[in-house]
Amino acid sequence: MYFCHMDELNHINKKSASEVIAALGKRFKEYRLVSRLTQKEVSEKSGVSVLTIRRFELGYSYNITMGNFISMLKAIDFTDGIADIMPEIPVSPYAMAKLEEHKPKRIRHGKQS
């Protein structure tokens, strides 16, 4: 079995979109195989054609859309990884300091009648 080496997706800014898609296709195949699913099973679960899945795993960049890719990730039960593609932007230290300035130091409740 071929295992996609991490450096295939390192330095992504120096790679063409086609090279990134090819590396993702190889990585997807590994996950599919570990999930013990055939291309046909992924196709049935995702609604993406077997031909598109086959071409994607072979590294061809055409006919793969973001929608297809997400559907395929869901089919192999890799939904947790989808959020890691673009994590939330962290709050800057400056913004945190501003929030802390306006946070009350203590809470006082008025007299209850």
C-alpha atoms as a PDB file:
ATOM      1  CA  MET A   1       0.000   0.000   0.000  1.00  0.00           C
ATOM      2  CA  TYR A   2       1.225   3.476  -0.856  1.00  0.00           C
ATOM      3  CA  PHE A   3       1.390   5.933   2.016  1.00  0.00           C
ATOM      4  CA  CYS A   4       1.332   9.603   1.144  1.00  0.00           C
ATOM      5  CA  HIS A   5       4.357  11.279   2.696  1.00  0.00           C
ATOM      6  CA  MET A   6       3.726  14.426   4.671  1.00  0.00           C
ATOM      7  CA  ASP A   7       6.075  16.450   2.462  1.00  0.00           C
ATOM      8  CA  GLU A   8       3.677  16.012  -0.445  1.00  0.00           C
ATOM      9  CA  LEU A   9       1.394  18.499   1.292  1.00  0.00           C
ATOM     10  CA  ASN A  10       4.145  20.622   2.873  1.00  0.00           C
ATOM     11  CA  HIS A  11       5.117  23.935   1.305  1.00  0.00           C
ATOM     12  CA  ILE A  12       1.678  24.062  -0.242  1.00  0.00           C
ATOM     13  CA  ASN A  13       2.188  27.684  -1.318  1.00  0.00           C
ATOM     14  CA  LYS A  14       4.916  26.547  -3.718  1.00  0.00           C
ATOM     15  CA  LYS A  15       2.734  23.892  -5.355  1.00  0.00           C
ATOM     16  CA  SER A  16       0.209  24.259  -8.120  1.00  0.00           C
ATOM     17  CA  ALA A  17      -3.444  23.531  -7.434  1.00  0.00           C
ATOM     18  CA  SER A  18      -3.090  20.352  -9.519  1.00  0.00           C
ATOM     19  CA  GLU A  19      -0.199  19.115  -7.372  1.00  0.00           C
ATOM     20  CA  VAL A  20      -2.162  19.764  -4.164  1.00  0.00           C
ATOM     21  CA  ILE A  21      -5.229  17.969  -5.541  1.00  0.00           C
ATOM     22  CA  ALA A  22      -3.064  15.021  -6.608  1.00  0.00           C
ATOM     23  CA  ALA A  23      -1.594  14.747  -3.085  1.00  0.00           C
ATOM     24  CA  LEU A  24      -5.067  15.002  -1.547  1.00  0.00           C
ATOM     25  CA  GLY A  25      -6.286  12.263  -3.888  1.00  0.00           C
ATOM     26  CA  LYS A  26      -3.533   9.920  -2.737  1.00  0.00           C
ATOM     27  CA  ARG A  27      -4.233  10.767   0.891  1.00  0.00           C
ATOM     28  CA  PHE A  28      -7.967  10.217   0.367  1.00  0.00           C
ATOM     29  CA  LYS A  29      -7.284   6.763  -1.072  1.00  0.00           C
ATOM     30  CA  GLU A  30      -5.328   5.831   2.055  1.00  0.00           C
ATOM     31  CA  TYR A  31      -8.187   6.921   4.292  1.00  0.00           C
ATOM     32  CA  ARG A  32     -10.707   5.061   2.128  1.00  0.00           C
ATOM     33  CA  LEU A  33      -8.667   1.872   2.325  1.00  0.00           C
ATOM     34  CA  VAL A  34      -8.242   2.192   6.091  1.00  0.00           C
ATOM     35  CA  SER A  35     -12.019   2.666   6.280  1.00  0.00           C
ATOM     36  CA  ARG A  36     -12.298  -0.643   4.362  1.00  0.00           C
ATOM     37  CA  LEU A  37     -14.527   0.886   1.692  1.00  0.00           C
ATOM     38  CA  THR A  38     -14.427   0.298  -2.039  1.00  0.00           C
ATOM     39  CA  GLN A  39     -14.659   3.128  -4.523  1.00  0.00           C
ATOM     40  CA  LYS A  40     -18.147   1.880  -5.368  1.00  0.00           C
ATOM     41  CA  GLU A  41     -19.228   2.036  -1.713  1.00  0.00           C
ATOM     42  CA  VAL A  42     -17.885   5.586  -1.386  1.00  0.00           C
ATOM     43  CA  SER A  43     -19.700   6.458  -4.594  1.00  0.00           C
ATOM     44  CA  GLU A  44     -22.996   5.107  -3.266  1.00  0.00           C
ATOM     45  CA  LYS A  45     -22.606   6.900   0.075  1.00  0.00           C
ATOM     46  CA  SER A  46     -21.433  10.210  -1.386  1.00  0.00           C
ATOM     47  CA  GLY A  47     -23.316  10.485  -4.652  1.00  0.00           C
ATOM     48  CA  VAL A  48     -20.019  11.055  -6.482  1.00  0.00           C
ATOM     49  CA  SER A  49     -19.392   8.856  -9.497  1.00  0.00           C
ATOM     50  CA  VAL A  50     -16.911   5.987  -9.274  1.00  0.00           C
ATOM     51  CA  LEU A  51     -15.059   7.479 -12.251  1.00  0.00           C
ATOM     52  CA  THR A  52     -14.605  10.807 -10.440  1.00  0.00           C
ATOM     53  CA  ILE A  53     -13.343   9.021  -7.311  1.00  0.00           C
ATOM     54  CA  ARG A  54     -10.968   6.856  -9.342  1.00  0.00           C
ATOM     55  CA  ARG A  55      -9.558   9.857 -11.211  1.00  0.00           C
ATOM     56  CA  PHE A  56      -9.189  11.850  -7.989  1.00  0.00           C
ATOM     57  CA  GLU A  57      -7.272   9.011  -6.316  1.00  0.00           C
ATOM     58  CA  LEU A  58      -5.030   8.755  -9.389  1.00  0.00           C
ATOM     59  CA  GLY A  59      -4.192  12.446  -9.032  1.00  0.00           C
ATOM     60  CA  TYR A  60      -6.280  13.994 -11.791  1.00  0.00           C
ATOM     61  CA  SER A  61      -7.549  17.408 -10.806  1.00  0.00           C
ATOM     62  CA  TYR A  62     -10.453  17.774 -13.173  1.00  0.00           C
ATOM     63  CA  ASN A  63     -14.044  17.002 -12.246  1.00  0.00           C
ATOM     64  CA  ILE A  64     -13.418  17.203  -8.488  1.00  0.00           C
ATOM     65  CA  THR A  65     -15.365  19.978  -6.797  1.00  0.00           C
ATOM     66  CA  MET A  66     -15.346  21.127  -3.206  1.00  0.00           C
ATOM     67  CA  GLY A  67     -18.846  19.659  -2.881  1.00  0.00           C
ATOM     68  CA  ASN A  68     -17.652  16.288  -4.212  1.00  0.00           C
ATOM     69  CA  PHE A  69     -14.661  16.327  -1.884  1.00  0.00           C
ATOM     70  CA  ILE A  70     -16.762  17.091   1.196  1.00  0.00           C
ATOM     71  CA  SER A  71     -19.307  14.411   0.252  1.00  0.00           C
ATOM     72  CA  MET A  72     -16.482  11.888  -0.146  1.00  0.00           C
ATOM     73  CA  LEU A  73     -14.992  12.841   3.245  1.00  0.00           C
ATOM     74  CA  LYS A  74     -18.397  12.345   4.835  1.00  0.00           C
ATOM     75  CA  ALA A  75     -18.705   8.943   3.131  1.00  0.00           C
ATOM     76  CA  ILE A  76     -15.488   7.717   4.779  1.00  0.00           C
ATOM     77  CA  ASP A  77     -16.613   9.249   8.106  1.00  0.00           C
ATOM     78  CA  PHE A  78     -13.921  11.919   8.161  1.00  0.00           C
ATOM     79  CA  THR A  79     -16.185  14.780   9.150  1.00  0.00           C
ATOM     80  CA  ASP A  80     -13.989  15.816  12.094  1.00  0.00           C
ATOM     81  CA  GLY A  81     -11.180  16.608   9.673  1.00  0.00           C
ATOM     82  CA  ILE A  82     -13.300  18.996   7.641  1.00  0.00           C
ATOM     83  CA  ALA A  83     -13.223  21.628  10.394  1.00  0.00           C
ATOM     84  CA  ASP A  84      -9.416  21.409  10.452  1.00  0.00           C
ATOM     85  CA  ILE A  85      -9.198  22.580   6.840  1.00  0.00           C
ATOM     86  CA  MET A  86      -9.923  26.169   7.916  1.00  0.00           C
ATOM     87  CA  PRO A  87      -9.940  26.518  11.699  1.00  0.00           C
ATOM     88  CA  GLU A  88     -11.427  29.586  13.340  1.00  0.00           C
ATOM     89  CA  ILE A  89      -9.191  32.632  13.361  1.00  0.00           C
ATOM     90  CA  PRO A  90      -7.721  33.058  16.845  1.00  0.00           C
ATOM     91  CA  VAL A  91      -8.508  36.252  18.728  1.00  0.00           C
ATOM     92  CA  SER A  92      -5.544  38.629  18.747  1.00  0.00           C
ATOM     93  CA  PRO A  93      -3.897  39.517  22.076  1.00  0.00           C
ATOM     94  CA  TYR A  94      -4.936  43.151  21.493  1.00  0.00           C
ATOM     95  CA  ALA A  95      -8.620  42.193  21.114  1.00  0.00           C
ATOM     96  CA  MET A  96      -8.392  39.970  24.217  1.00  0.00           C
ATOM     97  CA  ALA A  97      -6.956  42.886  26.239  1.00  0.00           C
ATOM     98  CA  LYS A  98      -9.823  45.128  25.092  1.00  0.00           C
ATOM     99  CA  LEU A  99     -12.363  42.488  26.155  1.00  0.00           C
ATOM    100  CA  GLU A 100     -10.692  42.151  29.551  1.00  0.00           C
ATOM    101  CA  GLU A 101     -10.912  45.942  30.092  1.00  0.00           C
ATOM    102  CA  HIS A 102     -14.700  45.836  29.824  1.00  0.00           C
ATOM    103  CA  LYS A 103     -15.214  42.656  31.825  1.00  0.00           C
ATOM    104  CA  PRO A 104     -16.707  43.385  35.241  1.00  0.00           C
ATOM    105  CA  LYS A 105     -14.437  42.680  38.200  1.00  0.00           C
ATOM    106  CA  ARG A 106     -17.319  41.512  40.351  1.00  0.00           C
ATOM    107  CA  ILE A 107     -21.054  41.278  40.242  1.00  0.00           C
ATOM    108  CA  ARG A 108     -23.269  43.066  42.798  1.00  0.00           C
ATOM    109  CA  HIS A 109     -26.854  42.168  43.177  1.00  0.00           C
ATOM    110  CA  GLY A 110     -29.275  44.813  44.408  1.00  0.00           C
ATOM    111  CA  LYS A 111     -31.370  44.319  47.510  1.00  0.00           C
ATOM    112  CA  GLN A 112     -34.226  41.904  47.021  1.00  0.00           C
ATOM    113  CA  SER A 113     -37.633  43.188  48.205  1.00  0.00           C
END
